[in-house]
Amino acid sequence: MVIIAADQILLFEGEIFEKPADPAAARETLKRLRGKTHELMSAVTGYRAGRQVWSCLESARLTMRDFSDDFLEAYLRHDEGQLASVGAYRIEGRGAQLFSHMEGDFFTIMGLPMLPLLDFLRREKLLSL
């Protein structure tokens, strides 16, 4: 049996961001990131018999557009799990409208470096070649 674990952090100006605790914290996070570039780092690791046998760390750079306060308030009114995500956004929904540019693999941005994980699972013969 292989156990897979993954997580993601957001880095901005030397600070690691956590999931916002409430809508006010989400608002402050988005105001800080507005018009600037931040980095998402997504890690995944595999364990077998309590021992780490594989790991991968991928990063992506995302630039938020300089959106208006009105847009920000409208965005926050639509609950799409902003409090469940570092950075207070989910790009798979309305959160995509926050951005002007993204560099990096889609799956890394979503929080799981899927392609390296699939390679690992094939090498472990847990997926068909």
Protein backbone atom coordinates (compact mmCIF):
# COMPACT_ATOMS: atom_id res chain seq x y z
CA MET A 1 0.00 0.00 0.00
CA VAL A 2 1.18 3.52 -0.84
CA ILE A 3 -0.03 6.55 1.07
CA ILE A 4 -0.07 9.84 -0.83
CA ALA A 5 0.00 13.19 0.96
CA ALA A 6 -0.07 16.66 -0.58
CA ASP A 7 -0.31 20.29 0.46
CA GLN A 8 0.18 23.78 -0.91
CA ILE A 9 1.51 27.08 0.40
CA LEU A 10 1.42 30.60 -0.97
CA LEU A 11 4.56 32.74 -0.75
CA PHE A 12 4.41 36.51 -1.07
CA GLU A 13 7.12 38.99 -0.11
CA GLY A 14 8.84 36.39 2.08
CA GLU A 15 5.65 35.51 3.96
CA ILE A 16 3.78 32.21 3.93
CA PHE A 17 0.03 32.72 3.70
CA GLU A 18 -2.46 30.41 5.35
CA LYS A 19 -6.12 29.92 4.56
CA PRO A 20 -8.05 33.02 5.63
CA ALA A 21 -9.92 32.61 8.92
CA ASP A 22 -12.91 34.72 7.91
CA PRO A 23 -14.19 37.01 5.13
CA ALA A 24 -12.31 40.00 6.56
CA ALA A 25 -9.03 38.06 6.38
CA ALA A 26 -9.86 36.98 2.81
CA ARG A 27 -10.45 40.62 1.87
CA GLU A 28 -7.09 41.68 3.36
CA THR A 29 -5.25 38.84 1.63
CA LEU A 30 -6.70 39.75 -1.75
CA LYS A 31 -5.95 43.45 -1.23
CA ARG A 32 -2.32 42.59 -0.47
CA LEU A 33 -2.00 40.35 -3.55
CA ARG A 34 -3.88 42.71 -5.90
CA GLY A 35 -1.71 43.90 -8.77
CA LYS A 36 1.24 41.78 -7.65
CA THR A 37 2.83 38.39 -8.31
CA HIS A 38 2.95 35.57 -5.77
CA GLU A 39 4.16 31.98 -5.82
CA LEU A 40 2.23 28.81 -5.11
CA MET A 41 4.25 25.81 -4.03
CA SER A 42 2.58 22.41 -4.20
CA ALA A 43 4.16 19.30 -2.72
CA VAL A 44 3.20 15.66 -2.94
CA THR A 45 4.88 12.67 -1.35
CA GLY A 46 4.45 8.91 -1.30
CA TYR A 47 4.95 6.61 1.67
CA ARG A 48 5.23 2.84 1.75
CA ALA A 49 5.42 0.90 5.03
CA GLY A 50 5.88 4.16 6.96
CA ARG A 51 8.88 5.25 4.87
CA GLN A 52 8.95 8.09 2.38
CA VAL A 53 9.71 6.61 -1.04
CA TRP A 54 9.05 9.60 -3.29
CA SER A 55 8.38 13.34 -3.19
CA CYS A 56 7.90 16.21 -5.58
CA LEU A 57 7.77 19.97 -5.14
CA GLU A 58 6.47 22.18 -7.96
CA SER A 59 5.87 25.92 -8.07
CA ALA A 60 3.83 28.36 -10.11
CA ARG A 61 3.81 32.17 -10.31
CA LEU A 62 0.51 34.01 -10.50
CA THR A 63 -0.06 37.71 -11.10
CA MET A 64 -3.27 39.29 -9.94
CA ARG A 65 -4.74 42.11 -11.94
CA ASP A 66 -5.36 45.46 -10.28
CA PHE A 67 -9.09 44.87 -9.76
CA SER A 68 -11.40 47.44 -8.21
CA ASP A 69 -12.74 47.38 -4.66
CA ASP A 70 -16.23 46.90 -6.14
CA PHE A 71 -15.05 43.80 -8.00
CA LEU A 72 -13.42 42.51 -4.80
CA GLU A 73 -16.63 42.92 -2.79
CA ALA A 74 -18.71 41.23 -5.51
CA TYR A 75 -16.19 38.38 -5.64
CA LEU A 76 -16.33 37.88 -1.88
CA ARG A 77 -20.16 37.85 -1.86
CA HIS A 78 -20.12 34.69 -4.01
CA ASP A 79 -18.99 31.95 -1.65
CA GLU A 80 -16.83 29.61 -3.72
CA GLY A 81 -14.74 28.27 -0.89
CA GLN A 82 -12.45 31.28 -0.63
CA LEU A 83 -11.89 30.49 3.05
CA ALA A 84 -10.76 26.96 2.19
CA SER A 85 -7.92 28.09 -0.08
CA VAL A 86 -4.62 29.83 0.53
CA GLY A 87 -4.83 33.17 -1.21
CA ALA A 88 -8.64 33.24 -0.81
CA TYR A 89 -9.29 32.14 -4.39
CA ARG A 90 -10.01 29.13 -6.52
CA ILE A 91 -9.02 29.52 -10.14
CA GLU A 92 -11.49 26.88 -11.24
CA GLY A 93 -14.33 29.30 -10.53
CA ARG A 94 -14.80 33.07 -10.36
CA GLY A 95 -11.31 33.32 -8.90
CA ALA A 96 -9.85 33.06 -12.41
CA GLN A 97 -11.08 36.62 -12.95
CA LEU A 98 -8.63 37.87 -10.33
CA PHE A 99 -5.61 37.15 -12.53
CA SER A 100 -3.81 38.76 -15.42
CA HIS A 101 -1.06 36.14 -15.83
CA MET A 102 -0.20 32.62 -14.64
CA GLU A 103 3.06 30.72 -15.12
CA GLY A 104 3.18 27.07 -14.24
CA ASP A 105 1.39 23.79 -14.52
CA PHE A 106 -2.39 23.88 -14.03
CA PHE A 107 -2.36 20.96 -11.59
CA THR A 108 0.34 22.63 -9.51
CA ILE A 109 -1.83 25.74 -9.30
CA MET A 110 -4.75 23.56 -8.24
CA GLY A 111 -2.61 22.13 -5.42
CA LEU A 112 -1.47 18.71 -6.63
CA PRO A 113 1.42 18.15 -9.06
CA MET A 114 -0.59 15.51 -10.92
CA LEU A 115 1.74 14.62 -13.81
CA PRO A 116 4.75 13.77 -11.58
CA LEU A 117 2.38 11.87 -9.27
CA LEU A 118 1.04 9.82 -12.16
CA ASP A 119 4.61 9.00 -13.23
CA PHE A 120 5.38 7.82 -9.71
CA LEU A 121 2.24 5.66 -9.57
CA ARG A 122 3.15 4.05 -12.91
CA ARG A 123 6.70 3.32 -11.70
CA GLU A 124 5.20 1.71 -8.60
CA LYS A 125 2.95 -0.36 -10.91
CA LEU A 126 -0.15 1.12 -9.32
CA LEU A 127 -1.30 2.46 -12.70
CA SER A 128 -1.04 0.92 -16.13
CA LEU A 129 1.90 1.97 -18.26
